[in-house]
Amino acid sequence: MTYFIFGDSFATIDGSPKDPHYFNGKTGDLWYDILENETGEKVHTFAEGGLGPYTIFEDFYECFETKKITDKTIFFLSSIFHTSFVHFI
């Protein structure tokens, strides 16, 4: 099984698994490391910094139509207000 990730810079995988990731002077696993380690499943990302929600959905549709997606899909949207199809009262 594989998790397929779509999103902007909040969903990108930076560095390699051997590169430490620092935050406030500390290092540790990031969300995708934890997901992979806890589930034992692979994580494949199509995320890219600077993408907007429409481009993210276009990328998803292209992967879906060409059957590149075979398992679970996770979407990251940096803000729900960047889409015109989401409305709240």
C-alpha atoms as a PDB file:
ATOM      1  CA  MET A   1       0.000   0.000   0.000  1.00  0.00           C
ATOM      2  CA  THR A   2       1.081   3.563  -0.676  1.00  0.00           C
ATOM      3  CA  TYR A   3      -0.001   7.028   0.416  1.00  0.00           C
ATOM      4  CA  PHE A   4      -0.103   9.546  -2.438  1.00  0.00           C
ATOM      5  CA  ILE A   5       0.312  13.141  -1.262  1.00  0.00           C
ATOM      6  CA  PHE A   6      -0.853  16.213  -3.188  1.00  0.00           C
ATOM      7  CA  GLY A   7      -0.356  19.771  -2.012  1.00  0.00           C
ATOM      8  CA  ASP A   8       1.847  22.837  -1.849  1.00  0.00           C
ATOM      9  CA  SER A   9       4.950  23.545   0.234  1.00  0.00           C
ATOM     10  CA  PHE A  10       3.222  22.302   3.406  1.00  0.00           C
ATOM     11  CA  ALA A  11       3.202  18.801   1.939  1.00  0.00           C
ATOM     12  CA  THR A  12       6.619  18.630   0.272  1.00  0.00           C
ATOM     13  CA  ILE A  13       9.269  16.190   1.377  1.00  0.00           C
ATOM     14  CA  ASP A  14      12.545  18.034   1.796  1.00  0.00           C
ATOM     15  CA  GLY A  15      16.000  16.479   1.888  1.00  0.00           C
ATOM     16  CA  SER A  16      16.640  12.798   2.089  1.00  0.00           C
ATOM     17  CA  PRO A  17      15.820  10.393   4.908  1.00  0.00           C
ATOM     18  CA  LYS A  18      19.426  10.681   6.117  1.00  0.00           C
ATOM     19  CA  ASP A  19      19.301  14.496   6.361  1.00  0.00           C
ATOM     20  CA  PRO A  20      18.255  15.731   9.809  1.00  0.00           C
ATOM     21  CA  HIS A  21      15.402  18.224   9.975  1.00  0.00           C
ATOM     22  CA  TYR A  22      15.772  21.019  12.516  1.00  0.00           C
ATOM     23  CA  PHE A  23      13.144  23.161  14.204  1.00  0.00           C
ATOM     24  CA  ASN A  24      14.033  25.474  17.070  1.00  0.00           C
ATOM     25  CA  GLY A  25      17.433  23.800  17.276  1.00  0.00           C
ATOM     26  CA  LYS A  26      15.964  20.312  17.645  1.00  0.00           C
ATOM     27  CA  THR A  27      15.706  17.494  15.145  1.00  0.00           C
ATOM     28  CA  GLY A  28      13.243  14.658  14.699  1.00  0.00           C
ATOM     29  CA  ASP A  29      10.958  12.831  12.331  1.00  0.00           C
ATOM     30  CA  LEU A  30       8.554  14.828  10.193  1.00  0.00           C
ATOM     31  CA  TRP A  31       4.928  13.937   9.457  1.00  0.00           C
ATOM     32  CA  TYR A  32       5.760  11.800   6.419  1.00  0.00           C
ATOM     33  CA  ASP A  33       8.489   9.922   8.336  1.00  0.00           C
ATOM     34  CA  ILE A  34       6.022   9.166  11.117  1.00  0.00           C
ATOM     35  CA  LEU A  35       3.319   8.103   8.633  1.00  0.00           C
ATOM     36  CA  GLU A  36       5.721   5.717   6.891  1.00  0.00           C
ATOM     37  CA  ASN A  37       7.163   4.321  10.139  1.00  0.00           C
ATOM     38  CA  GLU A  38       3.830   3.867  11.929  1.00  0.00           C
ATOM     39  CA  THR A  39       1.929   2.325   9.014  1.00  0.00           C
ATOM     40  CA  GLY A  40       4.784   0.493   7.303  1.00  0.00           C
ATOM     41  CA  GLU A  41       3.478   1.851   3.999  1.00  0.00           C
ATOM     42  CA  LYS A  42       5.282   3.935   1.395  1.00  0.00           C
ATOM     43  CA  VAL A  43       4.698   7.678   0.963  1.00  0.00           C
ATOM     44  CA  HIS A  44       4.905   9.179  -2.535  1.00  0.00           C
ATOM     45  CA  THR A  45       4.428  12.902  -2.941  1.00  0.00           C
ATOM     46  CA  PHE A  46       3.384  14.949  -5.926  1.00  0.00           C
ATOM     47  CA  ALA A  47       3.471  18.097  -3.758  1.00  0.00           C
ATOM     48  CA  GLU A  48       5.436  21.139  -4.835  1.00  0.00           C
ATOM     49  CA  GLY A  49       6.008  24.512  -3.234  1.00  0.00           C
ATOM     50  CA  GLY A  50       4.189  27.441  -4.818  1.00  0.00           C
ATOM     51  CA  LEU A  51       1.322  25.442  -6.289  1.00  0.00           C
ATOM     52  CA  GLY A  52      -2.233  26.697  -5.959  1.00  0.00           C
ATOM     53  CA  PRO A  53      -5.273  24.506  -5.308  1.00  0.00           C
ATOM     54  CA  TYR A  54      -6.329  24.374  -8.957  1.00  0.00           C
ATOM     55  CA  THR A  55      -2.903  23.130 -10.061  1.00  0.00           C
ATOM     56  CA  ILE A  56      -2.907  20.594  -7.230  1.00  0.00           C
ATOM     57  CA  PHE A  57      -6.272  19.233  -8.391  1.00  0.00           C
ATOM     58  CA  GLU A  58      -5.084  19.200 -12.034  1.00  0.00           C
ATOM     59  CA  ASP A  59      -2.072  17.123 -10.950  1.00  0.00           C
ATOM     60  CA  PHE A  60      -4.381  14.778  -9.057  1.00  0.00           C
ATOM     61  CA  TYR A  61      -6.740  14.331 -12.008  1.00  0.00           C
ATOM     62  CA  GLU A  62      -3.831  13.609 -14.348  1.00  0.00           C
ATOM     63  CA  CYS A  63      -2.447  10.972 -11.970  1.00  0.00           C
ATOM     64  CA  PHE A  64      -5.912   9.503 -11.404  1.00  0.00           C
ATOM     65  CA  GLU A  65      -6.698   9.275 -15.114  1.00  0.00           C
ATOM     66  CA  THR A  66      -3.353   7.640 -15.920  1.00  0.00           C
ATOM     67  CA  LYS A  67      -3.780   5.216 -13.010  1.00  0.00           C
ATOM     68  CA  LYS A  68      -0.635   6.378 -11.173  1.00  0.00           C
ATOM     69  CA  ILE A  69      -2.707   6.458  -7.978  1.00  0.00           C
ATOM     70  CA  THR A  70      -3.391   2.981  -6.693  1.00  0.00           C
ATOM     71  CA  ASP A  71      -4.064   3.408  -2.975  1.00  0.00           C
ATOM     72  CA  LYS A  72      -4.707   6.166  -0.424  1.00  0.00           C
ATOM     73  CA  THR A  73      -4.653   9.888  -1.269  1.00  0.00           C
ATOM     74  CA  ILE A  74      -3.996  12.837   1.039  1.00  0.00           C
ATOM     75  CA  PHE A  75      -4.605  16.465   0.009  1.00  0.00           C
ATOM     76  CA  PHE A  76      -2.968  19.449   1.693  1.00  0.00           C
ATOM     77  CA  LEU A  77      -4.574  22.840   1.152  1.00  0.00           C
ATOM     78  CA  SER A  78      -2.675  25.647   2.863  1.00  0.00           C
ATOM     79  CA  SER A  79      -5.880  27.664   3.187  1.00  0.00           C
ATOM     80  CA  ILE A  80      -9.479  26.769   2.433  1.00  0.00           C
ATOM     81  CA  PHE A  81      -9.992  30.372   1.379  1.00  0.00           C
ATOM     82  CA  HIS A  82      -7.724  29.901  -1.660  1.00  0.00           C
ATOM     83  CA  THR A  83     -10.496  27.961  -3.374  1.00  0.00           C
ATOM     84  CA  SER A  84     -13.670  29.428  -4.795  1.00  0.00           C
ATOM     85  CA  PHE A  85     -15.578  26.169  -4.408  1.00  0.00           C
ATOM     86  CA  VAL A  86     -15.392  26.120  -0.565  1.00  0.00           C
ATOM     87  CA  HIS A  87     -17.866  28.390   1.232  1.00  0.00           C
ATOM     88  CA  PHE A  88     -18.545  28.922   4.914  1.00  0.00           C
ATOM     89  CA  ILE A  89     -21.174  31.047   6.649  1.00  0.00           C
END
